Amino acid sequence: MCSYLLIGFWFTRPAAANACQKAFVTNRIGDFGLLLGILGFYWTTGSFEFQELFEIFNNLIYNNEVYFLFVTLCASLLFSGLIV
């Protein structure tokens, strides 16, 4: 929202108006990716706490019960949410 307001400060310029809309949509897409990544890790581990998350993942990897493609997807979604 802040980037939308900062970019759109000169709303009388058409380029600035279009750029602020583009920034808003891009940020919403990134936020959605971040949310999906967080929820994917929660679905896998059942916790939001970092300490518990790391312990559960270590146990899942040790017992060979983790689906690495899904974990990679969740990590990519987290990363895309931070980049976008």
C-alpha atoms as a PDB file:
ATOM      1  CA  MET A   1       0.000   0.000   0.000  1.00  0.00           C
ATOM      2  CA  CYS A   2       2.835   2.394   0.809  1.00  0.00           C
ATOM      3  CA  SER A   3       4.506   1.840  -2.548  1.00  0.00           C
ATOM      4  CA  TYR A   4       1.142   2.497  -4.225  1.00  0.00           C
ATOM      5  CA  LEU A   5       0.839   5.817  -2.410  1.00  0.00           C
ATOM      6  CA  LEU A   6       4.461   6.826  -2.947  1.00  0.00           C
ATOM      7  CA  ILE A   7       4.455   6.043  -6.662  1.00  0.00           C
ATOM      8  CA  GLY A   8       0.996   7.510  -7.158  1.00  0.00           C
ATOM      9  CA  PHE A   9       1.791  10.799  -5.428  1.00  0.00           C
ATOM     10  CA  TRP A  10       1.852  12.531  -8.801  1.00  0.00           C
ATOM     11  CA  PHE A  11      -1.528  11.102  -9.788  1.00  0.00           C
ATOM     12  CA  THR A  12      -2.026  13.804 -12.420  1.00  0.00           C
ATOM     13  CA  ARG A  13       0.683  12.201 -14.561  1.00  0.00           C
ATOM     14  CA  PRO A  14      -0.685   9.228 -16.522  1.00  0.00           C
ATOM     15  CA  ALA A  15       2.605   7.326 -16.245  1.00  0.00           C
ATOM     16  CA  ALA A  16       2.611   7.660 -12.454  1.00  0.00           C
ATOM     17  CA  ALA A  17      -1.031   6.602 -12.230  1.00  0.00           C
ATOM     18  CA  ASN A  18      -0.360   3.478 -14.294  1.00  0.00           C
ATOM     19  CA  ALA A  19       2.830   2.698 -12.377  1.00  0.00           C
ATOM     20  CA  CYS A  20       1.100   2.858  -9.000  1.00  0.00           C
ATOM     21  CA  GLN A  21      -1.597   0.441 -10.173  1.00  0.00           C
ATOM     22  CA  LYS A  22       1.074  -1.916 -11.482  1.00  0.00           C
ATOM     23  CA  ALA A  23       2.962  -1.712  -8.165  1.00  0.00           C
ATOM     24  CA  PHE A  24      -0.219  -2.463  -6.221  1.00  0.00           C
ATOM     25  CA  VAL A  25      -1.058  -5.542  -8.315  1.00  0.00           C
ATOM     26  CA  THR A  26       2.540  -6.800  -8.190  1.00  0.00           C
ATOM     27  CA  ASN A  27       2.619  -6.465  -4.402  1.00  0.00           C
ATOM     28  CA  ARG A  28      -0.680  -8.340  -4.046  1.00  0.00           C
ATOM     29  CA  ILE A  29       0.669 -11.208  -6.179  1.00  0.00           C
ATOM     30  CA  GLY A  30       3.800 -11.367  -4.024  1.00  0.00           C
ATOM     31  CA  ASP A  31       1.741 -11.304  -0.830  1.00  0.00           C
ATOM     32  CA  PHE A  32      -0.415 -14.155  -2.118  1.00  0.00           C
ATOM     33  CA  GLY A  33       2.680 -16.240  -2.911  1.00  0.00           C
ATOM     34  CA  LEU A  34       4.102 -15.561   0.544  1.00  0.00           C
ATOM     35  CA  LEU A  35       0.809 -16.560   2.164  1.00  0.00           C
ATOM     36  CA  LEU A  36       0.620 -19.796   0.152  1.00  0.00           C
ATOM     37  CA  GLY A  37       4.189 -20.679   1.132  1.00  0.00           C
ATOM     38  CA  ILE A  38       3.517 -20.076   4.826  1.00  0.00           C
ATOM     39  CA  LEU A  39       0.292 -22.080   4.718  1.00  0.00           C
ATOM     40  CA  GLY A  40       2.038 -24.915   2.874  1.00  0.00           C
ATOM     41  CA  PHE A  41       4.662 -25.188   5.608  1.00  0.00           C
ATOM     42  CA  TYR A  42       1.921 -25.023   8.241  1.00  0.00           C
ATOM     43  CA  TRP A  43       0.014 -27.800   6.464  1.00  0.00           C
ATOM     44  CA  THR A  44       3.157 -29.944   6.437  1.00  0.00           C
ATOM     45  CA  THR A  45       4.237 -29.317  10.044  1.00  0.00           C
ATOM     46  CA  GLY A  46       1.170 -28.012  11.880  1.00  0.00           C
ATOM     47  CA  SER A  47       3.099 -25.164  13.493  1.00  0.00           C
ATOM     48  CA  PHE A  48       4.118 -21.566  12.891  1.00  0.00           C
ATOM     49  CA  GLU A  49       6.925 -21.612  15.496  1.00  0.00           C
ATOM     50  CA  PHE A  50      10.396 -21.711  13.944  1.00  0.00           C
ATOM     51  CA  GLN A  51      11.881 -24.026  16.585  1.00  0.00           C
ATOM     52  CA  GLU A  52       9.050 -26.543  16.222  1.00  0.00           C
ATOM     53  CA  LEU A  53       9.099 -26.175  12.445  1.00  0.00           C
ATOM     54  CA  PHE A  54      12.804 -27.059  12.250  1.00  0.00           C
ATOM     55  CA  GLU A  55      12.429 -30.003  14.654  1.00  0.00           C
ATOM     56  CA  ILE A  56       9.434 -31.401  12.778  1.00  0.00           C
ATOM     57  CA  PHE A  57      11.203 -31.044   9.428  1.00  0.00           C
ATOM     58  CA  ASN A  58      14.289 -32.787  10.796  1.00  0.00           C
ATOM     59  CA  ASN A  59      12.112 -35.667  12.006  1.00  0.00           C
ATOM     60  CA  LEU A  60      10.253 -35.841   8.691  1.00  0.00           C
ATOM     61  CA  ILE A  61      13.491 -35.898   6.710  1.00  0.00           C
ATOM     62  CA  TYR A  62      15.079 -38.454   9.044  1.00  0.00           C
ATOM     63  CA  ASN A  63      12.029 -40.760   8.732  1.00  0.00           C
ATOM     64  CA  ASN A  64      11.788 -40.108   4.965  1.00  0.00           C
ATOM     65  CA  GLU A  65       8.187 -38.884   5.292  1.00  0.00           C
ATOM     66  CA  VAL A  66       8.525 -35.529   3.572  1.00  0.00           C
ATOM     67  CA  TYR A  67       7.479 -34.816  -0.001  1.00  0.00           C
ATOM     68  CA  PHE A  68      10.435 -32.783  -1.273  1.00  0.00           C
ATOM     69  CA  LEU A  69       8.661 -31.410  -4.338  1.00  0.00           C
ATOM     70  CA  PHE A  70       5.965 -29.842  -2.150  1.00  0.00           C
ATOM     71  CA  VAL A  71       8.541 -28.413   0.267  1.00  0.00           C
ATOM     72  CA  THR A  72      10.491 -26.976  -2.671  1.00  0.00           C
ATOM     73  CA  LEU A  73       7.288 -25.418  -4.013  1.00  0.00           C
ATOM     74  CA  CYS A  74       6.526 -23.846  -0.620  1.00  0.00           C
ATOM     75  CA  ALA A  75      10.069 -22.493  -0.341  1.00  0.00           C
ATOM     76  CA  SER A  76       9.828 -21.075  -3.873  1.00  0.00           C
ATOM     77  CA  LEU A  77       6.524 -19.406  -3.015  1.00  0.00           C
ATOM     78  CA  LEU A  78       8.090 -17.846   0.078  1.00  0.00           C
ATOM     79  CA  PHE A  79      11.014 -16.624  -1.995  1.00  0.00           C
ATOM     80  CA  SER A  80       8.770 -15.263  -4.753  1.00  0.00           C
ATOM     81  CA  GLY A  81       6.709 -13.427  -2.168  1.00  0.00           C
ATOM     82  CA  LEU A  82       9.823 -11.720  -0.880  1.00  0.00           C
ATOM     83  CA  ILE A  83      11.190 -10.878  -4.322  1.00  0.00           C
ATOM     84  CA  VAL A  84       7.991  -9.569  -5.882  1.00  0.00           C
END
